[in-house]
Amino acid sequence: MINLLKSAIKEESIDINEDRVLKLEHYAKKLKWWNKTHNITGAKSDEDIIKNIIDSLYPIKFMPKKRTLLDVGTGAGFPGLILAIAWQDTEVTLAEPLNKRASFLRYIIQDLELKNTTVFKNRVEKLQDKNFEIVTSRAVTNTKLLLELTKNITDKETEYLFFKGERVFEEIDELKAQYIYDIVTKNRRNYLWIKGLKCS
């Protein structure tokens, strides 16, 4: 699997240290093993898992590293855990309410000795008393609802990175008068990067 992963990272020109590539490979192997009995994700093959890793890593090509990150509905670790491996000096919180997925995330965090990562096993709207520099999410819900669910743990400086498909253009249409944003497109993936509120 390591050769497939290295090849994919090189093909996308993603800048990441060798030791972190090895951690990503270890994560991929453990996810595949857990998937056999716990059905953590629909990505079953080496190729599918690597495709999801690359999808999660791709934003580091265009987005500067942040000090704190919240990932909403992390699931098997995409994108939050992958970004935690890549950005090991970023404090990462993974919000995942489902027990078997949260258990896997806690296991792999301990196994990889990721000191920068914690799991919040609950719905994100239950998280309080903390503001994040960036909120990420992939395939959880629509943009407007994600912004609403995280409003108590963000401020006017918070940025958002949502992994979207083709419907992103419909979702942003009713919000574009309020927010400054970019959409970075790669194949059928649209990375919606909301950089802040527009001045009134």
N, C-alpha and C. Protein backbone atom coordinates (compact mmCIF):
# COMPACT_ATOMS: atom_id res chain seq x y z
N MET A 1 0.83 -1.22 0.00
CA MET A 1 0.00 0.00 0.00
C MET A 1 0.86 1.27 0.00
N ILE A 2 2.05 1.19 0.62
CA ILE A 2 2.88 2.37 0.74
C ILE A 2 3.28 2.93 -0.62
N ASN A 3 3.55 2.05 -1.58
CA ASN A 3 3.94 2.53 -2.92
C ASN A 3 2.77 3.23 -3.61
N LEU A 4 1.57 2.68 -3.45
CA LEU A 4 0.38 3.32 -4.02
C LEU A 4 0.17 4.71 -3.41
N LEU A 5 0.33 4.79 -2.09
CA LEU A 5 0.13 6.05 -1.40
C LEU A 5 1.18 7.08 -1.81
N LYS A 6 2.44 6.69 -1.82
CA LYS A 6 3.52 7.60 -2.21
C LYS A 6 3.32 8.09 -3.64
N SER A 7 2.91 7.17 -4.51
CA SER A 7 2.70 7.53 -5.91
C SER A 7 1.57 8.55 -6.05
N ALA A 8 0.49 8.34 -5.30
CA ALA A 8 -0.66 9.25 -5.37
C ALA A 8 -0.29 10.63 -4.83
N ILE A 9 0.46 10.67 -3.74
CA ILE A 9 0.89 11.94 -3.16
C ILE A 9 1.81 12.69 -4.12
N LYS A 10 2.72 11.95 -4.75
CA LYS A 10 3.63 12.56 -5.71
C LYS A 10 2.88 13.08 -6.93
N GLU A 11 1.93 12.31 -7.41
CA GLU A 11 1.15 12.71 -8.58
C GLU A 11 0.40 14.01 -8.35
N GLU A 12 -0.08 14.20 -7.12
CA GLU A 12 -0.83 15.43 -6.79
C GLU A 12 0.08 16.56 -6.31
N SER A 13 1.40 16.30 -6.23
CA SER A 13 2.37 17.31 -5.78
C SER A 13 2.02 17.85 -4.40
N ILE A 14 1.65 16.95 -3.49
CA ILE A 14 1.32 17.33 -2.12
C ILE A 14 2.59 17.27 -1.28
N ASP A 15 2.90 18.37 -0.61
CA ASP A 15 4.12 18.48 0.18
C ASP A 15 3.86 17.96 1.60
N ILE A 16 4.41 16.78 1.91
CA ILE A 16 4.20 16.18 3.22
C ILE A 16 5.42 15.36 3.59
N ASN A 17 5.82 15.41 4.85
CA ASN A 17 7.02 14.73 5.32
C ASN A 17 6.89 13.21 5.23
N GLU A 18 8.03 12.55 5.07
CA GLU A 18 8.08 11.09 4.93
C GLU A 18 7.49 10.39 6.15
N ASP A 19 7.79 10.88 7.35
CA ASP A 19 7.27 10.22 8.55
C ASP A 19 5.75 10.28 8.62
N ARG A 20 5.18 11.33 8.07
CA ARG A 20 3.72 11.47 8.08
C ARG A 20 3.08 10.58 7.01
N VAL A 21 3.81 10.37 5.92
CA VAL A 21 3.34 9.41 4.91
C VAL A 21 3.27 8.01 5.52
N LEU A 22 4.26 7.66 6.32
CA LEU A 22 4.28 6.35 6.99
C LEU A 22 3.11 6.23 7.97
N LYS A 23 2.79 7.32 8.66
CA LYS A 23 1.62 7.30 9.56
C LYS A 23 0.33 7.12 8.77
N LEU A 24 0.24 7.77 7.63
CA LEU A 24 -0.95 7.63 6.78
C LEU A 24 -1.09 6.20 6.28
N GLU A 25 0.02 5.58 5.94
CA GLU A 25 -0.02 4.18 5.50
C GLU A 25 -0.50 3.29 6.64
N HIS A 26 0.03 3.52 7.84
CA HIS A 26 -0.38 2.72 9.01
C HIS A 26 -1.87 2.90 9.27
N TYR A 27 -2.32 4.15 9.20
CA TYR A 27 -3.76 4.43 9.36
C TYR A 27 -4.58 3.65 8.33
N ALA A 28 -4.15 3.67 7.07
CA ALA A 28 -4.88 3.00 5.99
C ALA A 28 -4.99 1.50 6.25
N LYS A 29 -3.92 0.89 6.70
CA LYS A 29 -3.93 -0.55 6.99
C LYS A 29 -4.87 -0.88 8.14
N LYS A 30 -4.84 -0.05 9.20
CA LYS A 30 -5.72 -0.28 10.35
C LYS A 30 -7.18 -0.08 9.98
N LEU A 31 -7.45 0.93 9.15
CA LEU A 31 -8.83 1.18 8.72
C LEU A 31 -9.35 -0.01 7.92
N LYS A 32 -8.53 -0.53 7.04
CA LYS A 32 -8.94 -1.68 6.23
C LYS A 32 -9.25 -2.88 7.12
N TRP A 33 -8.42 -3.08 8.14
CA TRP A 33 -8.63 -4.21 9.06
C TRP A 33 -9.90 -4.03 9.87
N TRP A 34 -10.11 -2.84 10.44
CA TRP A 34 -11.31 -2.57 11.22
C TRP A 34 -12.57 -2.68 10.37
N ASN A 35 -12.46 -2.28 9.12
CA ASN A 35 -13.61 -2.29 8.22
C ASN A 35 -14.18 -3.68 8.01
N LYS A 36 -13.34 -4.68 8.12
CA LYS A 36 -13.78 -6.06 7.87
C LYS A 36 -14.83 -6.52 8.87
N THR A 37 -14.76 -5.99 10.10
CA THR A 37 -15.71 -6.42 11.13
C THR A 37 -16.64 -5.31 11.60
N HIS A 38 -16.23 -4.05 11.45
CA HIS A 38 -17.02 -2.95 12.03
C HIS A 38 -17.66 -2.04 10.98
N ASN A 39 -17.34 -2.22 9.71
CA ASN A 39 -17.94 -1.42 8.64
C ASN A 39 -17.86 0.08 8.95
N ILE A 40 -16.63 0.56 9.11
CA ILE A 40 -16.39 1.96 9.48
C ILE A 40 -16.67 2.90 8.31
N THR A 41 -16.35 2.46 7.09
CA THR A 41 -16.50 3.31 5.91
C THR A 41 -16.80 2.47 4.69
N GLY A 42 -17.33 3.11 3.66
CA GLY A 42 -17.58 2.42 2.40
C GLY A 42 -16.33 2.19 1.58
N ALA A 43 -15.24 2.84 1.96
CA ALA A 43 -13.96 2.65 1.25
C ALA A 43 -13.33 1.35 1.74
N LYS A 44 -13.36 0.32 0.92
CA LYS A 44 -12.91 -1.01 1.34
C LYS A 44 -11.55 -1.39 0.77
N SER A 45 -11.30 -1.04 -0.48
CA SER A 45 -10.05 -1.45 -1.13
C SER A 45 -8.92 -0.47 -0.82
N ASP A 46 -7.68 -0.91 -1.08
CA ASP A 46 -6.53 -0.02 -0.91
C ASP A 46 -6.71 1.25 -1.74
N GLU A 47 -7.16 1.07 -2.97
CA GLU A 47 -7.31 2.20 -3.89
C GLU A 47 -8.35 3.20 -3.38
N ASP A 48 -9.47 2.69 -2.86
CA ASP A 48 -10.53 3.59 -2.36
C ASP A 48 -10.08 4.34 -1.11
N ILE A 49 -9.37 3.65 -0.23
CA ILE A 49 -8.89 4.31 0.98
C ILE A 49 -7.88 5.39 0.63
N ILE A 50 -6.97 5.09 -0.29
CA ILE A 50 -5.97 6.08 -0.70
C ILE A 50 -6.64 7.27 -1.40
N LYS A 51 -7.65 7.00 -2.19
CA LYS A 51 -8.38 8.09 -2.86
C LYS A 51 -8.99 9.04 -1.82
N ASN A 52 -9.52 8.49 -0.73
CA ASN A 52 -10.08 9.32 0.33
C ASN A 52 -9.00 10.07 1.10
N ILE A 53 -7.84 9.46 1.27
CA ILE A 53 -6.72 10.15 1.93
C ILE A 53 -6.28 11.35 1.09
N ILE A 54 -6.12 11.13 -0.21
CA ILE A 54 -5.70 12.22 -1.10
C ILE A 54 -6.75 13.33 -1.13
N ASP A 55 -8.01 12.96 -1.16
CA ASP A 55 -9.09 13.95 -1.13
C ASP A 55 -8.99 14.82 0.13
N SER A 56 -8.65 14.19 1.25
CA SER A 56 -8.53 14.91 2.52
C SER A 56 -7.29 15.77 2.58
N LEU A 57 -6.20 15.31 1.96
CA LEU A 57 -4.93 16.04 1.98
C LEU A 57 -4.88 17.21 1.01
N TYR A 58 -5.62 17.12 -0.07
CA TYR A 58 -5.49 18.08 -1.16
C TYR A 58 -5.56 19.55 -0.73
N PRO A 59 -6.42 19.91 0.23
CA PRO A 59 -6.50 21.33 0.61
C PRO A 59 -5.22 21.91 1.19
N ILE A 60 -4.27 21.09 1.66
CA ILE A 60 -3.04 21.68 2.18
C ILE A 60 -2.21 22.32 1.06
N LYS A 61 -2.59 22.05 -0.19
CA LYS A 61 -1.92 22.69 -1.32
C LYS A 61 -2.29 24.17 -1.43
N PHE A 62 -3.50 24.53 -0.99
CA PHE A 62 -3.95 25.91 -1.18
C PHE A 62 -4.31 26.63 0.12
N MET A 63 -4.39 25.91 1.21
CA MET A 63 -4.82 26.53 2.46
C MET A 63 -3.68 26.58 3.47
N PRO A 64 -3.44 27.73 4.11
CA PRO A 64 -2.41 27.80 5.14
C PRO A 64 -2.80 27.00 6.39
N LYS A 65 -1.79 26.52 7.08
CA LYS A 65 -2.01 25.74 8.30
C LYS A 65 -2.69 26.60 9.36
N LYS A 66 -3.55 25.98 10.15
CA LYS A 66 -4.28 26.68 11.20
C LYS A 66 -3.83 26.19 12.58
N ARG A 67 -4.12 26.99 13.59
CA ARG A 67 -3.74 26.64 14.96
C ARG A 67 -4.71 25.65 15.58
N THR A 68 -6.03 25.83 15.31
CA THR A 68 -7.06 24.92 15.83
C THR A 68 -8.01 24.53 14.71
N LEU A 69 -8.47 23.29 14.74
CA LEU A 69 -9.36 22.78 13.69
C LEU A 69 -10.41 21.89 14.31
N LEU A 70 -11.64 22.07 13.87
CA LEU A 70 -12.74 21.19 14.25
C LEU A 70 -13.25 20.51 12.99
N ASP A 71 -13.37 19.19 13.05
CA ASP A 71 -13.94 18.44 11.93
C ASP A 71 -15.29 17.88 12.35
N VAL A 72 -16.32 18.22 11.61
CA VAL A 72 -17.70 17.84 11.95
C VAL A 72 -18.07 16.54 11.24
N GLY A 73 -18.43 15.52 12.03
CA GLY A 73 -18.84 14.24 11.46
C GLY A 73 -17.68 13.51 10.79
N THR A 74 -16.61 13.30 11.54
CA THR A 74 -15.36 12.78 10.99
C THR A 74 -15.50 11.39 10.37
N GLY A 75 -16.38 10.56 10.90
CA GLY A 75 -16.54 9.21 10.36
C GLY A 75 -15.29 8.38 10.56
N ALA A 76 -14.72 7.89 9.47
CA ALA A 76 -13.52 7.06 9.53
C ALA A 76 -12.24 7.89 9.63
N GLY A 77 -12.38 9.22 9.56
CA GLY A 77 -11.21 10.07 9.68
C GLY A 77 -11.02 11.06 8.56
N PHE A 78 -11.97 11.10 7.63
CA PHE A 78 -11.87 11.99 6.47
C PHE A 78 -12.74 13.23 6.67
N PRO A 79 -12.19 14.43 6.62
CA PRO A 79 -10.78 14.75 6.42
C PRO A 79 -10.00 14.99 7.71
N GLY A 80 -10.70 15.10 8.86
CA GLY A 80 -10.08 15.62 10.07
C GLY A 80 -8.85 14.88 10.56
N LEU A 81 -8.93 13.55 10.63
CA LEU A 81 -7.79 12.78 11.12
C LEU A 81 -6.62 12.85 10.16
N ILE A 82 -6.90 12.86 8.87
CA ILE A 82 -5.84 12.95 7.87
C ILE A 82 -5.13 14.29 7.99
N LEU A 83 -5.87 15.37 8.17
CA LEU A 83 -5.27 16.68 8.37
C LEU A 83 -4.50 16.75 9.68
N ALA A 84 -4.97 16.04 10.72
CA ALA A 84 -4.25 16.00 11.99
C ALA A 84 -2.89 15.33 11.84
N ILE A 85 -2.82 14.31 10.98
CA ILE A 85 -1.54 13.65 10.71
C ILE A 85 -0.62 14.58 9.94
N ALA A 86 -1.16 15.27 8.95
CA ALA A 86 -0.36 16.17 8.12
C ALA A 86 0.09 17.41 8.89
N TRP A 87 -0.80 17.95 9.73
CA TRP A 87 -0.53 19.18 10.48
C TRP A 87 -0.39 18.84 11.96
N GLN A 88 0.73 18.29 12.37
CA GLN A 88 0.85 17.77 13.73
C GLN A 88 1.03 18.86 14.79
N ASP A 89 1.19 20.10 14.37
CA ASP A 89 1.21 21.19 15.35
C ASP A 89 -0.11 21.97 15.35
N THR A 90 -1.12 21.42 14.69
CA THR A 90 -2.48 21.97 14.74
C THR A 90 -3.29 21.18 15.76
N GLU A 91 -3.99 21.87 16.64
CA GLU A 91 -4.85 21.21 17.63
C GLU A 91 -6.17 20.84 16.96
N VAL A 92 -6.43 19.54 16.84
CA VAL A 92 -7.56 19.04 16.07
C VAL A 92 -8.59 18.36 16.98
N THR A 93 -9.86 18.74 16.81
CA THR A 93 -10.97 18.09 17.50
C THR A 93 -11.84 17.40 16.46
N LEU A 94 -12.10 16.12 16.67
CA LEU A 94 -12.91 15.32 15.75
C LEU A 94 -14.28 15.09 16.39
N ALA A 95 -15.32 15.69 15.85
CA ALA A 95 -16.67 15.50 16.36
C ALA A 95 -17.33 14.35 15.61
N GLU A 96 -17.59 13.25 16.33
CA GLU A 96 -18.19 12.06 15.72
C GLU A 96 -19.13 11.39 16.72
N PRO A 97 -20.45 11.43 16.48
CA PRO A 97 -21.40 10.90 17.45
C PRO A 97 -21.55 9.38 17.47
N LEU A 98 -21.22 8.70 16.38
CA LEU A 98 -21.43 7.25 16.31
C LEU A 98 -20.34 6.49 17.06
N ASN A 99 -20.75 5.57 17.92
CA ASN A 99 -19.84 4.91 18.84
C ASN A 99 -18.73 4.13 18.14
N LYS A 100 -19.08 3.32 17.13
CA LYS A 100 -18.03 2.49 16.52
C LYS A 100 -17.00 3.33 15.78
N ARG A 101 -17.42 4.42 15.18
CA ARG A 101 -16.48 5.29 14.50
C ARG A 101 -15.62 6.07 15.50
N ALA A 102 -16.26 6.57 16.55
CA ALA A 102 -15.50 7.27 17.59
C ALA A 102 -14.49 6.33 18.25
N SER A 103 -14.86 5.07 18.44
CA SER A 103 -13.94 4.08 19.03
C SER A 103 -12.75 3.86 18.12
N PHE A 104 -13.00 3.76 16.81
CA PHE A 104 -11.88 3.60 15.88
C PHE A 104 -10.97 4.82 15.91
N LEU A 105 -11.56 6.00 15.92
CA LEU A 105 -10.76 7.23 15.93
C LEU A 105 -9.88 7.31 17.17
N ARG A 106 -10.45 6.96 18.33
CA ARG A 106 -9.67 6.98 19.57
C ARG A 106 -8.54 5.95 19.53
N TYR A 107 -8.85 4.79 18.97
CA TYR A 107 -7.82 3.75 18.85
C TYR A 107 -6.66 4.22 17.98
N ILE A 108 -6.97 4.76 16.81
CA ILE A 108 -5.91 5.12 15.86
C ILE A 108 -5.13 6.34 16.35
N ILE A 109 -5.78 7.25 17.07
CA ILE A 109 -5.07 8.39 17.66
C ILE A 109 -4.02 7.90 18.65
N GLN A 110 -4.41 6.93 19.49
CA GLN A 110 -3.47 6.38 20.45
C GLN A 110 -2.38 5.57 19.75
N ASP A 111 -2.79 4.80 18.76
CA ASP A 111 -1.84 3.93 18.05
C ASP A 111 -0.78 4.76 17.31
N LEU A 112 -1.18 5.88 16.74
CA LEU A 112 -0.26 6.75 16.00
C LEU A 112 0.40 7.80 16.89
N GLU A 113 0.01 7.81 18.18
CA GLU A 113 0.55 8.78 19.14
C GLU A 113 0.36 10.22 18.66
N LEU A 114 -0.88 10.52 18.26
CA LEU A 114 -1.21 11.86 17.80
C LEU A 114 -1.58 12.73 19.01
N LYS A 115 -0.61 13.45 19.50
CA LYS A 115 -0.81 14.27 20.70
C LYS A 115 -1.70 15.48 20.44
N ASN A 116 -1.89 15.80 19.17
CA ASN A 116 -2.63 17.02 18.80
C ASN A 116 -4.12 16.77 18.55
N THR A 117 -4.59 15.55 18.80
CA THR A 117 -5.94 15.17 18.34
C THR A 117 -6.79 14.59 19.46
N THR A 118 -8.05 15.06 19.54
CA THR A 118 -9.01 14.51 20.50
C THR A 118 -10.33 14.22 19.78
N VAL A 119 -11.11 13.33 20.37
CA VAL A 119 -12.42 12.97 19.82
C VAL A 119 -13.51 13.50 20.74
N PHE A 120 -14.48 14.18 20.14
CA PHE A 120 -15.68 14.60 20.85
C PHE A 120 -16.81 13.69 20.39
N LYS A 121 -17.18 12.70 21.23
CA LYS A 121 -18.19 11.73 20.80
C LYS A 121 -19.59 12.23 21.14
N ASN A 122 -20.04 13.11 20.28
CA ASN A 122 -21.37 13.68 20.45
C ASN A 122 -21.70 14.49 19.20
N ARG A 123 -22.90 14.99 19.13
CA ARG A 123 -23.27 15.88 18.04
C ARG A 123 -22.56 17.21 18.23
N VAL A 124 -22.16 17.83 17.13
CA VAL A 124 -21.31 19.02 17.21
C VAL A 124 -21.99 20.17 17.94
N GLU A 125 -23.33 20.24 17.89
CA GLU A 125 -24.01 21.35 18.56
C GLU A 125 -23.91 21.26 20.09
N LYS A 126 -23.46 20.10 20.61
CA LYS A 126 -23.25 19.94 22.05
C LYS A 126 -21.88 20.45 22.50
N LEU A 127 -21.02 20.75 21.56
CA LEU A 127 -19.68 21.25 21.88
C LEU A 127 -19.77 22.74 22.25
N GLN A 128 -19.15 23.10 23.36
CA GLN A 128 -19.27 24.47 23.86
C GLN A 128 -17.92 24.98 24.37
N ASP A 129 -17.89 26.27 24.66
CA ASP A 129 -16.78 26.92 25.35
C ASP A 129 -15.45 26.83 24.59
N LYS A 130 -15.53 26.86 23.28
CA LYS A 130 -14.30 26.83 22.50
C LYS A 130 -14.56 27.45 21.13
N ASN A 131 -13.60 28.22 20.63
CA ASN A 131 -13.67 28.74 19.27
C ASN A 131 -12.55 28.13 18.44
N PHE A 132 -12.84 27.87 17.18
CA PHE A 132 -11.88 27.23 16.29
C PHE A 132 -11.49 28.18 15.16
N GLU A 133 -10.23 28.06 14.71
CA GLU A 133 -9.78 28.88 13.58
C GLU A 133 -10.38 28.39 12.27
N ILE A 134 -10.59 27.07 12.18
CA ILE A 134 -11.19 26.53 10.96
C ILE A 134 -12.08 25.35 11.31
N VAL A 135 -13.21 25.25 10.62
CA VAL A 135 -14.14 24.13 10.74
C VAL A 135 -14.18 23.41 9.40
N THR A 136 -13.97 22.10 9.44
CA THR A 136 -14.04 21.29 8.22
C THR A 136 -15.18 20.29 8.32
N SER A 137 -15.62 19.81 7.17
CA SER A 137 -16.65 18.77 7.15
C SER A 137 -16.76 18.20 5.74
N ARG A 138 -17.05 16.90 5.69
CA ARG A 138 -17.21 16.24 4.39
C ARG A 138 -18.46 15.38 4.42
N ALA A 139 -19.36 15.63 3.49
CA ALA A 139 -20.54 14.78 3.28
C ALA A 139 -21.40 14.63 4.54
N VAL A 140 -21.60 15.73 5.28
CA VAL A 140 -22.42 15.66 6.49
C VAL A 140 -23.81 16.25 6.24
N THR A 141 -23.88 17.52 5.87
CA THR A 141 -25.17 18.16 5.61
C THR A 141 -24.90 19.39 4.74
N ASN A 142 -25.92 20.18 4.51
CA ASN A 142 -25.75 21.33 3.63
C ASN A 142 -25.01 22.47 4.34
N THR A 143 -24.48 23.38 3.55
CA THR A 143 -23.62 24.44 4.05
C THR A 143 -24.32 25.32 5.08
N LYS A 144 -25.53 25.73 4.81
CA LYS A 144 -26.26 26.61 5.72
C LYS A 144 -26.45 25.97 7.09
N LEU A 145 -26.79 24.69 7.11
CA LEU A 145 -26.99 24.00 8.38
C LEU A 145 -25.67 23.81 9.12
N LEU A 146 -24.58 23.53 8.40
CA LEU A 146 -23.27 23.40 9.03
C LEU A 146 -22.87 24.71 9.73
N LEU A 147 -23.12 25.81 9.07
CA LEU A 147 -22.82 27.11 9.67
C LEU A 147 -23.67 27.35 10.91
N GLU A 148 -24.91 26.94 10.85
CA GLU A 148 -25.82 27.10 11.99
C GLU A 148 -25.39 26.22 13.17
N LEU A 149 -25.05 24.96 12.88
CA LEU A 149 -24.69 24.01 13.94
C LEU A 149 -23.41 24.40 14.68
N THR A 150 -22.55 25.16 14.02
CA THR A 150 -21.26 25.51 14.63
C THR A 150 -21.18 26.97 15.07
N LYS A 151 -22.28 27.67 15.07
CA LYS A 151 -22.24 29.12 15.33
C LYS A 151 -21.78 29.45 16.75
N ASN A 152 -21.98 28.54 17.71
CA ASN A 152 -21.60 28.82 19.09
C ASN A 152 -20.13 28.54 19.39
N ILE A 153 -19.41 27.95 18.46
CA ILE A 153 -18.00 27.62 18.68
C ILE A 153 -17.11 28.25 17.60
N THR A 154 -17.65 29.29 16.97
CA THR A 154 -16.89 30.03 15.96
C THR A 154 -17.05 31.52 16.23
N ASP A 155 -16.22 32.32 15.57
CA ASP A 155 -16.36 33.76 15.65
C ASP A 155 -16.15 34.36 14.27
N LYS A 156 -16.06 35.67 14.18
CA LYS A 156 -15.99 36.32 12.87
C LYS A 156 -14.68 36.02 12.14
N GLU A 157 -13.68 35.52 12.87
CA GLU A 157 -12.39 35.18 12.26
C GLU A 157 -12.34 33.73 11.76
N THR A 158 -13.31 32.92 12.14
CA THR A 158 -13.30 31.49 11.79
C THR A 158 -13.46 31.30 10.28
N GLU A 159 -12.68 30.37 9.75
CA GLU A 159 -12.83 29.95 8.36
C GLU A 159 -13.47 28.57 8.31
N TYR A 160 -13.97 28.22 7.13
CA TYR A 160 -14.63 26.92 6.95
C TYR A 160 -14.11 26.27 5.68
N LEU A 161 -13.94 24.96 5.74
CA LEU A 161 -13.58 24.20 4.55
C LEU A 161 -14.52 23.01 4.44
N PHE A 162 -15.45 23.08 3.49
CA PHE A 162 -16.44 22.03 3.32
C PHE A 162 -16.18 21.30 2.01
N PHE A 163 -16.13 19.97 2.10
CA PHE A 163 -15.87 19.10 0.94
C PHE A 163 -17.21 18.81 0.28
N LYS A 164 -17.41 19.34 -0.92
CA LYS A 164 -18.72 19.31 -1.54
C LYS A 164 -18.67 18.69 -2.94
N GLY A 165 -19.86 18.35 -3.42
CA GLY A 165 -20.03 17.89 -4.79
C GLY A 165 -20.59 19.00 -5.65
N GLU A 166 -21.38 18.63 -6.63
CA GLU A 166 -21.89 19.61 -7.59
C GLU A 166 -22.92 20.57 -7.00
N ARG A 167 -23.56 20.19 -5.90
CA ARG A 167 -24.61 21.04 -5.34
C ARG A 167 -24.07 22.25 -4.58
N VAL A 168 -22.76 22.33 -4.47
CA VAL A 168 -22.17 23.45 -3.72
C VAL A 168 -22.60 24.80 -4.29
N PHE A 169 -22.78 24.88 -5.60
CA PHE A 169 -23.13 26.15 -6.22
C PHE A 169 -24.54 26.58 -5.85
N GLU A 170 -25.44 25.62 -5.67
CA GLU A 170 -26.78 25.93 -5.20
C GLU A 170 -26.73 26.38 -3.73
N GLU A 171 -25.94 25.65 -2.93
CA GLU A 171 -25.88 25.93 -1.50
C GLU A 171 -25.29 27.30 -1.20
N ILE A 172 -24.27 27.68 -1.96
CA ILE A 172 -23.61 28.95 -1.68
C ILE A 172 -24.39 30.13 -2.23
N ASP A 173 -25.31 29.89 -3.14
CA ASP A 173 -26.04 30.96 -3.80
C ASP A 173 -26.75 31.87 -2.81
N GLU A 174 -27.38 31.27 -1.78
CA GLU A 174 -28.12 32.08 -0.81
C GLU A 174 -27.22 32.66 0.28
N LEU A 175 -25.94 32.28 0.28
CA LEU A 175 -25.02 32.76 1.31
C LEU A 175 -23.94 33.71 0.79
N LYS A 176 -23.82 33.80 -0.54
CA LYS A 176 -22.69 34.53 -1.11
C LYS A 176 -22.72 36.03 -0.84
N ALA A 177 -23.88 36.57 -0.55
CA ALA A 177 -23.95 37.99 -0.22
C ALA A 177 -23.39 38.27 1.17
N GLN A 178 -23.28 37.22 1.97
CA GLN A 178 -22.86 37.37 3.37
C GLN A 178 -21.40 36.99 3.61
N TYR A 179 -20.87 36.06 2.79
CA TYR A 179 -19.55 35.49 3.06
C TYR A 179 -18.56 35.73 1.92
N ILE A 180 -17.29 35.82 2.29
CA ILE A 180 -16.18 35.82 1.34
C ILE A 180 -15.75 34.36 1.17
N TYR A 181 -15.65 33.87 -0.06
CA TYR A 181 -15.36 32.45 -0.24
C TYR A 181 -14.64 32.19 -1.56
N ASP A 182 -14.01 31.04 -1.63
CA ASP A 182 -13.47 30.49 -2.87
C ASP A 182 -13.99 29.07 -3.02
N ILE A 183 -14.10 28.61 -4.25
CA ILE A 183 -14.40 27.20 -4.52
C ILE A 183 -13.25 26.65 -5.37
N VAL A 184 -12.53 25.69 -4.81
CA VAL A 184 -11.44 25.03 -5.52
C VAL A 184 -11.97 23.69 -6.04
N THR A 185 -11.90 23.51 -7.35
CA THR A 185 -12.47 22.32 -7.97
C THR A 185 -11.38 21.37 -8.43
N LYS A 186 -11.55 20.09 -8.08
CA LYS A 186 -10.65 19.03 -8.54
C LYS A 186 -11.51 17.84 -8.94
N ASN A 187 -11.53 17.57 -10.23
CA ASN A 187 -12.41 16.52 -10.76
C ASN A 187 -13.84 16.82 -10.35
N ARG A 188 -14.49 15.91 -9.63
CA ARG A 188 -15.88 16.15 -9.22
C ARG A 188 -15.98 16.68 -7.79
N ARG A 189 -14.85 16.94 -7.18
CA ARG A 189 -14.82 17.49 -5.83
C ARG A 189 -14.74 19.01 -5.88
N ASN A 190 -15.57 19.66 -5.06
CA ASN A 190 -15.51 21.11 -4.88
C ASN A 190 -15.19 21.40 -3.42
N TYR A 191 -14.07 22.05 -3.20
CA TYR A 191 -13.68 22.44 -1.84
C TYR A 191 -14.17 23.87 -1.62
N LEU A 192 -15.16 24.01 -0.77
CA LEU A 192 -15.72 25.33 -0.46
C LEU A 192 -14.96 25.91 0.73
N TRP A 193 -14.21 26.95 0.46
CA TRP A 193 -13.39 27.62 1.49
C TRP A 193 -14.03 28.96 1.81
N ILE A 194 -14.71 29.03 2.94
CA ILE A 194 -15.34 30.27 3.39
C ILE A 194 -14.35 30.98 4.30
N LYS A 195 -13.94 32.19 3.87
CA LYS A 195 -12.85 32.88 4.55
C LYS A 195 -13.30 33.91 5.58
N GLY A 196 -14.60 34.18 5.60
CA GLY A 196 -15.09 35.12 6.61
C GLY A 196 -16.32 35.86 6.14
N LEU A 197 -16.81 36.71 7.01
CA LEU A 197 -17.98 37.53 6.70
C LEU A 197 -17.58 38.76 5.90
N LYS A 198 -18.45 39.17 5.01
CA LYS A 198 -18.25 40.44 4.32
C LYS A 198 -18.56 41.58 5.26
N CYS A 199 -17.87 42.68 5.08
CA CYS A 199 -18.15 43.87 5.90
C CYS A 199 -19.51 44.42 5.54
N SER A 200 -20.27 44.82 6.54
CA SER A 200 -21.60 45.36 6.26
C SER A 200 -21.53 46.82 5.86
